[in-house]
Amino acid sequence: MLEQVREEDRLAAEAAAAAIDAVDAEVSYEEEPMSDADNDDGSDVEIDTASIPLPLSESEPIGNTHSPNELEDRLAAKMAVTYASPAPEADLEIVAQPDLSLDPDSFHAPSYKPTLQQMARRYVAEEAPITFKRLSDLIARDHGFQRTGGKISSTIWQAVERIAPRTRSADDHWIFWPEAVESSDVLPFRGLEVSGRPRQWKEVPLPEKLGLIEKTLVLAPADVAESVANVLGYGRVTQSFRADITQLVERLRQGASDHGKEDDGAM
């Protein structure tokens, strides 16, 4: 009887360890960074990750030297899954935060949430309107993360989603706005450097992109995409960039047409 009990305990321990290994494999898959398309124009493709569960917290591999109860407890902790919102990516240089104590090892801990919120509020104050994509990339690079994968962006979203007013733009980006500024469909383009920090064209909020298109169209250029590229300092116009500009022109004209219809109806 004693040998049978010991054998059952051994089998239970092995089963628990195998289950934890399977969960660890899932974590590795979720944290594998998504690759960006190497477009010279900086345009990117957004993936809707609203339905992707937040990856589980990491832990060291567990061997069969642990007791069955300890293994079951750790397995249960790993199986606690929460859900979160979209996850962007970009390549940015690390931005220093000398007055904050940053701890990459504590990044996903609930107790670290106030630090993420403080960083986000600072970036909103300095750069807003700012997309969540841009905001999460800045925070991730501050911590030395080379990519902003689903787990990282989900943790950031849970911390910052209510720090400032936000709207969802027509290109499906969340945009955070300053408290004292009313959101707008079209804004003046501020360039590819804001508050001393460089940004890519794909990180520019849609209202600013439309503002640059609007200003360019006033000049009636023969090639709108070429004119916009010159403003941005691009040496050549790629096919994807030209397609992006064409879509922005159509979006701007459609918006003007819609406003015209609304005005006619009000008279």
C-alpha atoms as a PDB file:
ATOM      1  CA  MET A   1       0.000   0.000   0.000  1.00  0.00           C
ATOM      2  CA  LEU A   2       2.819   2.423   0.882  1.00  0.00           C
ATOM      3  CA  GLU A   3       4.557   1.758  -2.423  1.00  0.00           C
ATOM      4  CA  GLN A   4       1.309   2.405  -4.295  1.00  0.00           C
ATOM      5  CA  VAL A   5       0.866   5.774  -2.537  1.00  0.00           C
ATOM      6  CA  ARG A   6       4.448   6.751  -3.344  1.00  0.00           C
ATOM      7  CA  GLU A   7       3.929   5.773  -6.977  1.00  0.00           C
ATOM      8  CA  GLU A   8       0.761   7.854  -7.179  1.00  0.00           C
ATOM      9  CA  ASP A   9       2.590  10.859  -5.672  1.00  0.00           C
ATOM     10  CA  ARG A  10       5.405  10.465  -8.191  1.00  0.00           C
ATOM     11  CA  LEU A  11       2.978  10.308 -11.115  1.00  0.00           C
ATOM     12  CA  ALA A  12       1.107  13.368  -9.847  1.00  0.00           C
ATOM     13  CA  ALA A  13       4.353  15.324  -9.558  1.00  0.00           C
ATOM     14  CA  GLU A  14       5.371  14.395 -13.087  1.00  0.00           C
ATOM     15  CA  ALA A  15       1.958  15.358 -14.460  1.00  0.00           C
ATOM     16  CA  ALA A  16       2.059  18.751 -12.737  1.00  0.00           C
ATOM     17  CA  ALA A  17       5.579  19.427 -13.984  1.00  0.00           C
ATOM     18  CA  ALA A  18       4.586  18.512 -17.537  1.00  0.00           C
ATOM     19  CA  ALA A  19       1.587  20.853 -17.383  1.00  0.00           C
ATOM     20  CA  ILE A  20       3.747  23.724 -16.173  1.00  0.00           C
ATOM     21  CA  ASP A  21       6.233  23.100 -18.975  1.00  0.00           C
ATOM     22  CA  ALA A  22       3.360  23.359 -21.445  1.00  0.00           C
ATOM     23  CA  VAL A  23       2.284  26.689 -19.956  1.00  0.00           C
ATOM     24  CA  ASP A  24       5.877  27.943 -20.115  1.00  0.00           C
ATOM     25  CA  ALA A  25       5.929  27.073 -23.795  1.00  0.00           C
ATOM     26  CA  GLU A  26       2.813  29.201 -24.275  1.00  0.00           C
ATOM     27  CA  VAL A  27       4.497  32.114 -22.504  1.00  0.00           C
ATOM     28  CA  SER A  28       7.526  31.879 -24.777  1.00  0.00           C
ATOM     29  CA  TYR A  29       5.274  31.925 -27.823  1.00  0.00           C
ATOM     30  CA  GLU A  30       3.271  34.939 -26.627  1.00  0.00           C
ATOM     31  CA  GLU A  31       6.387  36.922 -25.777  1.00  0.00           C
ATOM     32  CA  GLU A  32       8.076  36.304 -29.123  1.00  0.00           C
ATOM     33  CA  PRO A  33       8.200  39.793 -30.676  1.00  0.00           C
ATOM     34  CA  MET A  34       6.270  40.477 -33.851  1.00  0.00           C
ATOM     35  CA  SER A  35       8.511  41.610 -36.709  1.00  0.00           C
ATOM     36  CA  ASP A  36       7.985  44.991 -38.338  1.00  0.00           C
ATOM     37  CA  ALA A  37       7.930  45.348 -42.101  1.00  0.00           C
ATOM     38  CA  ASP A  38      11.134  47.064 -43.240  1.00  0.00           C
ATOM     39  CA  ASN A  39       9.444  49.905 -45.126  1.00  0.00           C
ATOM     40  CA  ASP A  40      11.532  52.963 -45.793  1.00  0.00           C
ATOM     41  CA  ASP A  41       8.453  55.101 -45.342  1.00  0.00           C
ATOM     42  CA  GLY A  42       7.870  53.842 -41.815  1.00  0.00           C
ATOM     43  CA  SER A  43       4.316  52.639 -42.460  1.00  0.00           C
ATOM     44  CA  ASP A  44       3.183  49.619 -40.473  1.00  0.00           C
ATOM     45  CA  VAL A  45       0.370  47.150 -40.193  1.00  0.00           C
ATOM     46  CA  GLU A  46      -1.706  47.069 -37.035  1.00  0.00           C
ATOM     47  CA  ILE A  47      -2.930  43.765 -35.676  1.00  0.00           C
ATOM     48  CA  ASP A  48      -6.052  43.706 -33.554  1.00  0.00           C
ATOM     49  CA  THR A  49      -4.972  41.973 -30.374  1.00  0.00           C
ATOM     50  CA  ALA A  50      -8.024  42.838 -28.287  1.00  0.00           C
ATOM     51  CA  SER A  51      -8.973  39.166 -28.192  1.00  0.00           C
ATOM     52  CA  ILE A  52      -5.482  37.909 -27.349  1.00  0.00           C
ATOM     53  CA  PRO A  53      -5.157  36.946 -23.664  1.00  0.00           C
ATOM     54  CA  LEU A  54      -2.466  38.584 -21.599  1.00  0.00           C
ATOM     55  CA  PRO A  55       0.457  36.120 -21.442  1.00  0.00           C
ATOM     56  CA  LEU A  56       1.190  34.526 -18.133  1.00  0.00           C
ATOM     57  CA  SER A  57       3.934  35.581 -15.759  1.00  0.00           C
ATOM     58  CA  GLU A  58       7.329  33.979 -16.096  1.00  0.00           C
ATOM     59  CA  SER A  59       8.959  31.539 -13.697  1.00  0.00           C
ATOM     60  CA  GLU A  60      11.915  29.208 -13.652  1.00  0.00           C
ATOM     61  CA  PRO A  61      11.441  25.643 -14.968  1.00  0.00           C
ATOM     62  CA  ILE A  62      10.210  23.287 -12.287  1.00  0.00           C
ATOM     63  CA  GLY A  63      11.630  19.807 -11.950  1.00  0.00           C
ATOM     64  CA  ASN A  64      10.352  16.732 -10.194  1.00  0.00           C
ATOM     65  CA  THR A  65      12.235  17.581  -6.990  1.00  0.00           C
ATOM     66  CA  HIS A  66       9.237  19.604  -5.757  1.00  0.00           C
ATOM     67  CA  SER A  67       6.403  18.074  -3.798  1.00  0.00           C
ATOM     68  CA  PRO A  68       3.074  17.467  -5.600  1.00  0.00           C
ATOM     69  CA  ASN A  69       1.321  20.158  -3.531  1.00  0.00           C
ATOM     70  CA  GLU A  70       3.983  22.756  -4.322  1.00  0.00           C
ATOM     71  CA  LEU A  71       3.803  21.927  -8.006  1.00  0.00           C
ATOM     72  CA  GLU A  72       0.016  22.182  -8.031  1.00  0.00           C
ATOM     73  CA  ASP A  73       0.136  25.565  -6.267  1.00  0.00           C
ATOM     74  CA  ARG A  74       2.593  26.967  -8.799  1.00  0.00           C
ATOM     75  CA  LEU A  75       0.618  25.538 -11.681  1.00  0.00           C
ATOM     76  CA  ALA A  76      -2.590  27.115 -10.357  1.00  0.00           C
ATOM     77  CA  ALA A  77      -0.855  30.481 -10.099  1.00  0.00           C
ATOM     78  CA  LYS A  78       0.317  30.209 -13.696  1.00  0.00           C
ATOM     79  CA  MET A  79      -3.158  29.396 -14.980  1.00  0.00           C
ATOM     80  CA  ALA A  80      -4.623  32.737 -13.816  1.00  0.00           C
ATOM     81  CA  VAL A  81      -5.242  34.503 -17.159  1.00  0.00           C
ATOM     82  CA  THR A  82      -6.428  38.087 -17.688  1.00  0.00           C
ATOM     83  CA  TYR A  83      -7.327  39.895 -20.888  1.00  0.00           C
ATOM     84  CA  ALA A  84      -6.161  43.188 -22.315  1.00  0.00           C
ATOM     85  CA  SER A  85      -6.098  45.491 -25.370  1.00  0.00           C
ATOM     86  CA  PRO A  86      -3.992  46.165 -28.517  1.00  0.00           C
ATOM     87  CA  ALA A  87      -0.244  45.781 -28.818  1.00  0.00           C
ATOM     88  CA  PRO A  88       1.906  47.945 -31.039  1.00  0.00           C
ATOM     89  CA  GLU A  89       5.554  47.808 -32.079  1.00  0.00           C
ATOM     90  CA  ALA A  90       8.245  50.143 -33.371  1.00  0.00           C
ATOM     91  CA  ASP A  91      11.988  50.717 -33.289  1.00  0.00           C
ATOM     92  CA  LEU A  92      12.990  53.575 -30.998  1.00  0.00           C
ATOM     93  CA  GLU A  93      16.092  54.621 -29.151  1.00  0.00           C
ATOM     94  CA  ILE A  94      16.098  54.239 -25.368  1.00  0.00           C
ATOM     95  CA  VAL A  95      14.820  57.435 -23.738  1.00  0.00           C
ATOM     96  CA  ALA A  96      16.297  58.260 -20.347  1.00  0.00           C
ATOM     97  CA  GLN A  97      14.164  58.797 -17.242  1.00  0.00           C
ATOM     98  CA  PRO A  98      16.826  59.922 -14.744  1.00  0.00           C
ATOM     99  CA  ASP A  99      14.425  60.961 -11.989  1.00  0.00           C
ATOM    100  CA  LEU A 100      12.509  57.669 -11.970  1.00  0.00           C
ATOM    101  CA  SER A 101      13.672  54.358 -10.579  1.00  0.00           C
ATOM    102  CA  LEU A 102      12.998  51.943 -13.442  1.00  0.00           C
ATOM    103  CA  ASP A 103      13.004  48.212 -12.782  1.00  0.00           C
ATOM    104  CA  PRO A 104      12.500  45.973 -15.837  1.00  0.00           C
ATOM    105  CA  ASP A 105      12.264  42.909 -13.589  1.00  0.00           C
ATOM    106  CA  SER A 106       9.194  44.398 -11.861  1.00  0.00           C
ATOM    107  CA  PHE A 107       7.589  45.636 -15.086  1.00  0.00           C
ATOM    108  CA  HIS A 108       4.560  43.291 -14.947  1.00  0.00           C
ATOM    109  CA  ALA A 109       4.087  43.472 -11.168  1.00  0.00           C
ATOM    110  CA  PRO A 110       0.894  45.231  -9.962  1.00  0.00           C
ATOM    111  CA  SER A 111       3.025  47.323  -7.584  1.00  0.00           C
ATOM    112  CA  TYR A 112       4.884  48.789 -10.581  1.00  0.00           C
ATOM    113  CA  LYS A 113       1.733  50.253 -12.126  1.00  0.00           C
ATOM    114  CA  PRO A 114       2.171  53.741 -10.560  1.00  0.00           C
ATOM    115  CA  THR A 115       5.610  54.037 -12.188  1.00  0.00           C
ATOM    116  CA  LEU A 116       4.182  53.223 -15.612  1.00  0.00           C
ATOM    117  CA  GLN A 117       1.389  55.731 -15.043  1.00  0.00           C
ATOM    118  CA  GLN A 118       3.842  58.458 -14.046  1.00  0.00           C
ATOM    119  CA  MET A 119       5.903  57.852 -17.177  1.00  0.00           C
ATOM    120  CA  ALA A 120       2.808  57.859 -19.381  1.00  0.00           C
ATOM    121  CA  ARG A 121       1.492  61.111 -17.909  1.00  0.00           C
ATOM    122  CA  ARG A 122       4.842  62.754 -18.607  1.00  0.00           C
ATOM    123  CA  TYR A 123       4.859  61.651 -22.240  1.00  0.00           C
ATOM    124  CA  VAL A 124       1.242  62.743 -22.702  1.00  0.00           C
ATOM    125  CA  ALA A 125       2.085  66.167 -21.255  1.00  0.00           C
ATOM    126  CA  GLU A 126       5.094  66.515 -23.554  1.00  0.00           C
ATOM    127  CA  GLU A 127       3.866  64.948 -26.801  1.00  0.00           C
ATOM    128  CA  ALA A 128       0.059  64.725 -26.837  1.00  0.00           C
ATOM    129  CA  PRO A 129      -1.768  64.103 -28.997  1.00  0.00           C
ATOM    130  CA  ILE A 130       0.124  60.829 -28.911  1.00  0.00           C
ATOM    131  CA  THR A 131      -0.917  57.368 -30.057  1.00  0.00           C
ATOM    132  CA  PHE A 132      -0.867  54.420 -27.694  1.00  0.00           C
ATOM    133  CA  LYS A 133       1.544  52.785 -30.130  1.00  0.00           C
ATOM    134  CA  ARG A 134       4.028  55.603 -29.683  1.00  0.00           C
ATOM    135  CA  LEU A 135       3.437  55.821 -25.928  1.00  0.00           C
ATOM    136  CA  SER A 136       3.939  52.109 -25.288  1.00  0.00           C
ATOM    137  CA  ASP A 137       7.064  51.994 -27.447  1.00  0.00           C
ATOM    138  CA  LEU A 138       8.625  54.875 -25.522  1.00  0.00           C
ATOM    139  CA  ILE A 139       7.928  53.223 -22.175  1.00  0.00           C
ATOM    140  CA  ALA A 140       9.201  49.850 -23.382  1.00  0.00           C
ATOM    141  CA  ARG A 141      12.454  51.331 -24.701  1.00  0.00           C
ATOM    142  CA  ASP A 142      12.961  53.207 -21.429  1.00  0.00           C
ATOM    143  CA  HIS A 143      13.137  49.783 -19.787  1.00  0.00           C
ATOM    144  CA  GLY A 144      15.541  48.391 -22.364  1.00  0.00           C
ATOM    145  CA  PHE A 145      12.982  46.195 -24.164  1.00  0.00           C
ATOM    146  CA  GLN A 146      13.912  46.041 -27.846  1.00  0.00           C
ATOM    147  CA  ARG A 147      10.400  45.068 -28.934  1.00  0.00           C
ATOM    148  CA  THR A 148       6.935  45.868 -27.617  1.00  0.00           C
ATOM    149  CA  GLY A 149       5.287  42.475 -27.677  1.00  0.00           C
ATOM    150  CA  GLY A 150       1.772  41.584 -26.639  1.00  0.00           C
ATOM    151  CA  LYS A 151       2.553  41.023 -22.961  1.00  0.00           C
ATOM    152  CA  ILE A 152       4.419  44.308 -22.571  1.00  0.00           C
ATOM    153  CA  SER A 153       1.829  46.413 -24.373  1.00  0.00           C
ATOM    154  CA  SER A 154      -1.005  44.758 -22.453  1.00  0.00           C
ATOM    155  CA  THR A 155       0.662  45.601 -19.150  1.00  0.00           C
ATOM    156  CA  ILE A 156       1.136  49.209 -20.279  1.00  0.00           C
ATOM    157  CA  TRP A 157      -2.464  49.497 -21.497  1.00  0.00           C
ATOM    158  CA  GLN A 158      -3.852  48.294 -18.168  1.00  0.00           C
ATOM    159  CA  ALA A 159      -1.803  50.980 -16.426  1.00  0.00           C
ATOM    160  CA  VAL A 160      -2.413  53.953 -18.742  1.00  0.00           C
ATOM    161  CA  GLU A 161      -5.832  53.536 -20.343  1.00  0.00           C
ATOM    162  CA  ARG A 162      -7.423  56.108 -18.000  1.00  0.00           C
ATOM    163  CA  ILE A 163      -4.584  58.578 -17.423  1.00  0.00           C
ATOM    164  CA  ALA A 164      -5.879  61.092 -20.002  1.00  0.00           C
ATOM    165  CA  PRO A 165      -8.769  61.650 -22.442  1.00  0.00           C
ATOM    166  CA  ARG A 166      -8.499  59.355 -25.458  1.00  0.00           C
ATOM    167  CA  THR A 167     -10.239  58.823 -28.769  1.00  0.00           C
ATOM    168  CA  ARG A 168     -10.159  56.091 -31.403  1.00  0.00           C
ATOM    169  CA  SER A 169      -9.048  57.488 -34.759  1.00  0.00           C
ATOM    170  CA  ALA A 170     -10.300  56.347 -38.154  1.00  0.00           C
ATOM    171  CA  ASP A 171      -7.083  54.360 -38.664  1.00  0.00           C
ATOM    172  CA  ASP A 172      -7.826  52.364 -35.475  1.00  0.00           C
ATOM    173  CA  HIS A 173      -5.231  53.989 -33.227  1.00  0.00           C
ATOM    174  CA  TRP A 174      -5.988  55.112 -29.694  1.00  0.00           C
ATOM    175  CA  ILE A 175      -4.917  58.738 -29.293  1.00  0.00           C
ATOM    176  CA  PHE A 176      -4.304  60.327 -25.882  1.00  0.00           C
ATOM    177  CA  TRP A 177      -5.047  64.062 -25.601  1.00  0.00           C
ATOM    178  CA  PRO A 178      -4.042  66.765 -23.100  1.00  0.00           C
ATOM    179  CA  GLU A 179      -6.704  67.506 -20.518  1.00  0.00           C
ATOM    180  CA  ALA A 180      -7.168  71.109 -21.704  1.00  0.00           C
ATOM    181  CA  VAL A 181      -7.225  70.332 -25.441  1.00  0.00           C
ATOM    182  CA  GLU A 182     -10.329  69.265 -27.322  1.00  0.00           C
ATOM    183  CA  SER A 183      -9.828  66.439 -29.794  1.00  0.00           C
ATOM    184  CA  SER A 184      -9.846  67.382 -33.490  1.00  0.00           C
ATOM    185  CA  ASP A 185      -9.944  65.538 -36.806  1.00  0.00           C
ATOM    186  CA  VAL A 186      -7.254  67.745 -38.401  1.00  0.00           C
ATOM    187  CA  LEU A 187      -4.268  69.352 -36.659  1.00  0.00           C
ATOM    188  CA  PRO A 188      -1.077  71.146 -37.792  1.00  0.00           C
ATOM    189  CA  PHE A 189       1.785  68.743 -38.431  1.00  0.00           C
ATOM    190  CA  ARG A 190       4.524  69.185 -35.791  1.00  0.00           C
ATOM    191  CA  GLY A 191       7.318  67.448 -37.683  1.00  0.00           C
ATOM    192  CA  LEU A 192       9.189  64.210 -37.017  1.00  0.00           C
ATOM    193  CA  GLU A 193      10.599  65.509 -33.742  1.00  0.00           C
ATOM    194  CA  VAL A 194       8.468  66.427 -30.745  1.00  0.00           C
ATOM    195  CA  SER A 195       9.885  67.669 -27.431  1.00  0.00           C
ATOM    196  CA  GLY A 196      13.364  66.777 -28.638  1.00  0.00           C
ATOM    197  CA  ARG A 197      12.454  63.156 -29.412  1.00  0.00           C
ATOM    198  CA  PRO A 198      12.398  61.785 -32.972  1.00  0.00           C
ATOM    199  CA  ARG A 199       9.375  59.907 -34.236  1.00  0.00           C
ATOM    200  CA  GLN A 200       8.548  57.989 -37.382  1.00  0.00           C
ATOM    201  CA  TRP A 201       5.802  58.810 -39.874  1.00  0.00           C
ATOM    202  CA  LYS A 202       3.867  55.744 -38.741  1.00  0.00           C
ATOM    203  CA  GLU A 203       3.862  57.131 -35.181  1.00  0.00           C
ATOM    204  CA  VAL A 204       2.306  60.463 -36.183  1.00  0.00           C
ATOM    205  CA  PRO A 205      -1.361  60.678 -35.072  1.00  0.00           C
ATOM    206  CA  LEU A 206      -3.885  60.712 -37.908  1.00  0.00           C
ATOM    207  CA  PRO A 207      -5.055  64.324 -37.280  1.00  0.00           C
ATOM    208  CA  GLU A 208      -1.493  65.573 -37.827  1.00  0.00           C
ATOM    209  CA  LYS A 209      -1.075  63.472 -40.965  1.00  0.00           C
ATOM    210  CA  LEU A 210      -4.262  64.964 -42.350  1.00  0.00           C
ATOM    211  CA  GLY A 211      -3.044  68.440 -41.381  1.00  0.00           C
ATOM    212  CA  LEU A 212       0.090  67.963 -43.469  1.00  0.00           C
ATOM    213  CA  ILE A 213      -1.938  66.609 -46.393  1.00  0.00           C
ATOM    214  CA  GLU A 214      -4.299  69.585 -46.179  1.00  0.00           C
ATOM    215  CA  LYS A 215      -1.417  72.057 -46.169  1.00  0.00           C
ATOM    216  CA  THR A 216       0.241  70.265 -49.103  1.00  0.00           C
ATOM    217  CA  LEU A 217      -2.927  70.225 -51.218  1.00  0.00           C
ATOM    218  CA  VAL A 218      -3.229  73.997 -50.919  1.00  0.00           C
ATOM    219  CA  LEU A 219      -0.015  74.239 -52.954  1.00  0.00           C
ATOM    220  CA  ALA A 220      -1.560  72.069 -55.712  1.00  0.00           C
ATOM    221  CA  PRO A 221       1.594  70.003 -56.299  1.00  0.00           C
ATOM    222  CA  ALA A 222       1.928  67.746 -59.336  1.00  0.00           C
ATOM    223  CA  ASP A 223       2.837  64.844 -57.033  1.00  0.00           C
ATOM    224  CA  VAL A 224       1.370  64.994 -53.517  1.00  0.00           C
ATOM    225  CA  ALA A 225       3.322  61.982 -52.256  1.00  0.00           C
ATOM    226  CA  GLU A 226       6.594  63.470 -53.508  1.00  0.00           C
ATOM    227  CA  SER A 227       5.827  66.787 -51.820  1.00  0.00           C
ATOM    228  CA  VAL A 228       5.013  65.139 -48.509  1.00  0.00           C
ATOM    229  CA  ALA A 229       8.167  63.028 -48.745  1.00  0.00           C
ATOM    230  CA  ASN A 230      10.221  66.192 -49.229  1.00  0.00           C
ATOM    231  CA  VAL A 231       8.724  67.717 -46.082  1.00  0.00           C
ATOM    232  CA  LEU A 232       9.587  64.559 -44.140  1.00  0.00           C
ATOM    233  CA  GLY A 233      13.103  64.453 -45.555  1.00  0.00           C
ATOM    234  CA  TYR A 234      12.664  61.131 -47.355  1.00  0.00           C
ATOM    235  CA  GLY A 235      15.046  60.547 -50.227  1.00  0.00           C
ATOM    236  CA  ARG A 236      12.636  58.457 -52.263  1.00  0.00           C
ATOM    237  CA  VAL A 237       8.955  57.570 -52.395  1.00  0.00           C
ATOM    238  CA  THR A 238       8.160  53.893 -51.953  1.00  0.00           C
ATOM    239  CA  GLN A 239       5.030  52.257 -53.271  1.00  0.00           C
ATOM    240  CA  SER A 240       3.615  51.699 -49.788  1.00  0.00           C
ATOM    241  CA  PHE A 241       4.242  55.324 -48.801  1.00  0.00           C
ATOM    242  CA  ARG A 242       2.519  56.556 -51.973  1.00  0.00           C
ATOM    243  CA  ALA A 243      -0.465  54.304 -51.205  1.00  0.00           C
ATOM    244  CA  ASP A 244      -0.595  55.700 -47.652  1.00  0.00           C
ATOM    245  CA  ILE A 245      -0.617  59.307 -48.921  1.00  0.00           C
ATOM    246  CA  THR A 246      -3.300  58.493 -51.492  1.00  0.00           C
ATOM    247  CA  GLN A 247      -5.482  57.025 -48.752  1.00  0.00           C
ATOM    248  CA  LEU A 248      -4.947  60.086 -46.561  1.00  0.00           C
ATOM    249  CA  VAL A 249      -5.932  62.423 -49.419  1.00  0.00           C
ATOM    250  CA  GLU A 250      -9.121  60.441 -49.962  1.00  0.00           C
ATOM    251  CA  ARG A 251      -9.866  60.427 -46.246  1.00  0.00           C
ATOM    252  CA  LEU A 252      -9.385  64.198 -46.022  1.00  0.00           C
ATOM    253  CA  ARG A 253     -11.603  64.888 -49.034  1.00  0.00           C
ATOM    254  CA  GLN A 254     -14.253  62.505 -47.746  1.00  0.00           C
ATOM    255  CA  GLY A 255     -14.251  64.323 -44.419  1.00  0.00           C
ATOM    256  CA  ALA A 256     -14.681  67.685 -46.153  1.00  0.00           C
ATOM    257  CA  SER A 257     -17.534  66.259 -48.214  1.00  0.00           C
ATOM    258  CA  ASP A 258     -19.276  64.920 -45.114  1.00  0.00           C
ATOM    259  CA  HIS A 259     -19.005  68.297 -43.374  1.00  0.00           C
ATOM    260  CA  GLY A 260     -20.432  69.988 -46.465  1.00  0.00           C
ATOM    261  CA  LYS A 261     -23.441  67.688 -46.406  1.00  0.00           C
ATOM    262  CA  GLU A 262     -23.995  68.374 -42.721  1.00  0.00           C
ATOM    263  CA  ASP A 263     -23.864  72.149 -43.323  1.00  0.00           C
ATOM    264  CA  ASP A 264     -26.359  71.896 -46.210  1.00  0.00           C
ATOM    265  CA  GLY A 265     -28.744  69.920 -44.065  1.00  0.00           C
ATOM    266  CA  ALA A 266     -28.553  72.460 -41.232  1.00  0.00           C
ATOM    267  CA  MET A 267     -29.518  75.418 -43.392  1.00  0.00           C
END
